[in-house]
Amino acid sequence: MSYSDDLASPLWQKKRLEIMQRDNWRCQMCGTNKNSLTVHHLYYESGKKPHEYDNEVLITLCKDCHESVHKEIAKISSIIAWSVVKKRK
């Protein structure tokens, strides 16, 4: 089963709605309820299905903030990787 399949599963859809309801159907970064809402995992664990995470690890974000968070995570990961490579030289 692919990650896309996992996100389409009824178990994830139920969890997703629980998180959005908990967060009052608003992005927890910018506060909007006008943009498409998503649920973001604060971290991932290998082999764990999206719906298997505790609610505290999930947060409602609008599409724009979600994309922004992932871009920042990618930048931070690149900086860490560069630092590790640089120390090896």
C-alpha atoms as a PDB file:
ATOM      1  CA  MET A   1       0.000   0.000   0.000  1.00  0.00           C
ATOM      2  CA  SER A   2       1.432   3.406  -0.999  1.00  0.00           C
ATOM      3  CA  TYR A   3       1.462   6.560   1.147  1.00  0.00           C
ATOM      4  CA  SER A   4      -1.221   8.005  -1.162  1.00  0.00           C
ATOM      5  CA  ASP A   5      -3.375   4.945  -0.478  1.00  0.00           C
ATOM      6  CA  ASP A   6      -2.805   5.398   3.262  1.00  0.00           C
ATOM      7  CA  LEU A   7      -3.998   9.013   3.031  1.00  0.00           C
ATOM      8  CA  ALA A   8      -7.156   7.879   1.222  1.00  0.00           C
ATOM      9  CA  SER A   9      -7.984   5.283   3.875  1.00  0.00           C
ATOM     10  CA  PRO A  10     -11.039   5.762   6.104  1.00  0.00           C
ATOM     11  CA  LEU A  11      -8.806   5.484   9.192  1.00  0.00           C
ATOM     12  CA  TRP A  12      -6.733   8.506   8.104  1.00  0.00           C
ATOM     13  CA  GLN A  13      -9.784  10.462   6.945  1.00  0.00           C
ATOM     14  CA  LYS A  14     -11.389   9.999  10.372  1.00  0.00           C
ATOM     15  CA  LYS A  15      -8.193  11.050  12.189  1.00  0.00           C
ATOM     16  CA  ARG A  16      -7.761  14.023   9.845  1.00  0.00           C
ATOM     17  CA  LEU A  17     -11.268  15.292  10.610  1.00  0.00           C
ATOM     18  CA  GLU A  18     -10.684  14.854  14.371  1.00  0.00           C
ATOM     19  CA  ILE A  19      -7.556  17.015  14.179  1.00  0.00           C
ATOM     20  CA  MET A  20      -9.220  19.710  12.078  1.00  0.00           C
ATOM     21  CA  GLN A  21     -12.163  19.820  14.472  1.00  0.00           C
ATOM     22  CA  ARG A  22      -9.792  20.025  17.474  1.00  0.00           C
ATOM     23  CA  ASP A  23      -8.034  22.941  15.758  1.00  0.00           C
ATOM     24  CA  ASN A  24     -11.364  24.712  15.081  1.00  0.00           C
ATOM     25  CA  TRP A  25     -11.041  24.286  11.310  1.00  0.00           C
ATOM     26  CA  ARG A  26      -8.236  26.886  11.211  1.00  0.00           C
ATOM     27  CA  CYS A  27      -4.607  26.868  10.144  1.00  0.00           C
ATOM     28  CA  GLN A  28      -2.558  26.821  13.334  1.00  0.00           C
ATOM     29  CA  MET A  29       0.128  29.033  11.749  1.00  0.00           C
ATOM     30  CA  CYS A  30      -1.742  31.843  10.012  1.00  0.00           C
ATOM     31  CA  GLY A  31      -5.244  31.359  11.422  1.00  0.00           C
ATOM     32  CA  THR A  32      -7.056  31.199   8.087  1.00  0.00           C
ATOM     33  CA  ASN A  33     -10.046  29.009   7.427  1.00  0.00           C
ATOM     34  CA  LYS A  34     -10.350  30.202   3.818  1.00  0.00           C
ATOM     35  CA  ASN A  35      -7.529  28.177   2.251  1.00  0.00           C
ATOM     36  CA  SER A  36      -7.572  24.402   1.735  1.00  0.00           C
ATOM     37  CA  LEU A  37      -6.762  22.749   5.070  1.00  0.00           C
ATOM     38  CA  THR A  38      -4.391  19.821   5.551  1.00  0.00           C
ATOM     39  CA  VAL A  39      -3.076  17.905   8.550  1.00  0.00           C
ATOM     40  CA  HIS A  40       0.687  17.964   9.020  1.00  0.00           C
ATOM     41  CA  HIS A  41       2.748  15.342  10.870  1.00  0.00           C
ATOM     42  CA  LEU A  42       5.348  17.068  13.058  1.00  0.00           C
ATOM     43  CA  TYR A  43       7.617  14.071  12.556  1.00  0.00           C
ATOM     44  CA  TYR A  44       7.559  10.656  10.914  1.00  0.00           C
ATOM     45  CA  GLU A  45       8.528   7.233  12.191  1.00  0.00           C
ATOM     46  CA  SER A  46       9.563   4.500   9.792  1.00  0.00           C
ATOM     47  CA  GLY A  47       6.842   1.921   9.183  1.00  0.00           C
ATOM     48  CA  LYS A  48       4.096   3.904  10.907  1.00  0.00           C
ATOM     49  CA  LYS A  49       0.848   4.576   9.035  1.00  0.00           C
ATOM     50  CA  PRO A  50      -0.430   8.186   8.969  1.00  0.00           C
ATOM     51  CA  HIS A  51      -3.394   7.373  11.218  1.00  0.00           C
ATOM     52  CA  GLU A  52      -1.234   5.607  13.825  1.00  0.00           C
ATOM     53  CA  TYR A  53       0.262   8.800  15.271  1.00  0.00           C
ATOM     54  CA  ASP A  54      -0.910  10.396  18.513  1.00  0.00           C
ATOM     55  CA  ASN A  55      -3.056  13.474  18.001  1.00  0.00           C
ATOM     56  CA  GLU A  56      -0.384  15.671  19.638  1.00  0.00           C
ATOM     57  CA  VAL A  57       1.903  14.977  16.661  1.00  0.00           C
ATOM     58  CA  LEU A  58      -0.652  16.304  14.150  1.00  0.00           C
ATOM     59  CA  ILE A  59      -1.513  19.910  13.366  1.00  0.00           C
ATOM     60  CA  THR A  60      -3.932  21.622  10.988  1.00  0.00           C
ATOM     61  CA  LEU A  61      -2.247  23.823   8.388  1.00  0.00           C
ATOM     62  CA  CYS A  62      -3.549  25.571   5.295  1.00  0.00           C
ATOM     63  CA  LYS A  63      -2.072  24.472   1.987  1.00  0.00           C
ATOM     64  CA  ASP A  64       0.242  27.505   1.778  1.00  0.00           C
ATOM     65  CA  CYS A  65       1.620  27.124   5.321  1.00  0.00           C
ATOM     66  CA  HIS A  66       2.015  23.362   4.832  1.00  0.00           C
ATOM     67  CA  GLU A  67       4.109  23.943   1.710  1.00  0.00           C
ATOM     68  CA  SER A  68       6.119  26.596   3.550  1.00  0.00           C
ATOM     69  CA  VAL A  69       6.833  24.256   6.476  1.00  0.00           C
ATOM     70  CA  HIS A  70       8.059  21.527   4.131  1.00  0.00           C
ATOM     71  CA  LYS A  71      10.329  23.992   2.295  1.00  0.00           C
ATOM     72  CA  GLU A  72      11.854  25.103   5.605  1.00  0.00           C
ATOM     73  CA  ILE A  73      12.346  21.486   6.697  1.00  0.00           C
ATOM     74  CA  ALA A  74      14.154  20.806   3.401  1.00  0.00           C
ATOM     75  CA  LYS A  75      16.419  23.834   3.952  1.00  0.00           C
ATOM     76  CA  ILE A  76      17.252  22.756   7.497  1.00  0.00           C
ATOM     77  CA  SER A  77      17.961  19.196   6.338  1.00  0.00           C
ATOM     78  CA  SER A  78      20.325  20.552   3.653  1.00  0.00           C
ATOM     79  CA  ILE A  79      22.167  22.713   6.180  1.00  0.00           C
ATOM     80  CA  ILE A  80      22.589  19.760   8.545  1.00  0.00           C
ATOM     81  CA  ALA A  81      23.764  17.491   5.718  1.00  0.00           C
ATOM     82  CA  TRP A  82      26.277  20.121   4.531  1.00  0.00           C
ATOM     83  CA  SER A  83      27.566  20.522   8.086  1.00  0.00           C
ATOM     84  CA  VAL A  84      28.105  16.755   8.426  1.00  0.00           C
ATOM     85  CA  VAL A  85      29.913  16.551   5.061  1.00  0.00           C
ATOM     86  CA  LYS A  86      32.062  19.567   5.914  1.00  0.00           C
ATOM     87  CA  LYS A  87      33.144  18.009   9.242  1.00  0.00           C
ATOM     88  CA  ARG A  88      34.268  14.820   7.454  1.00  0.00           C
ATOM     89  CA  LYS A  89      36.822  16.724   5.351  1.00  0.00           C
END
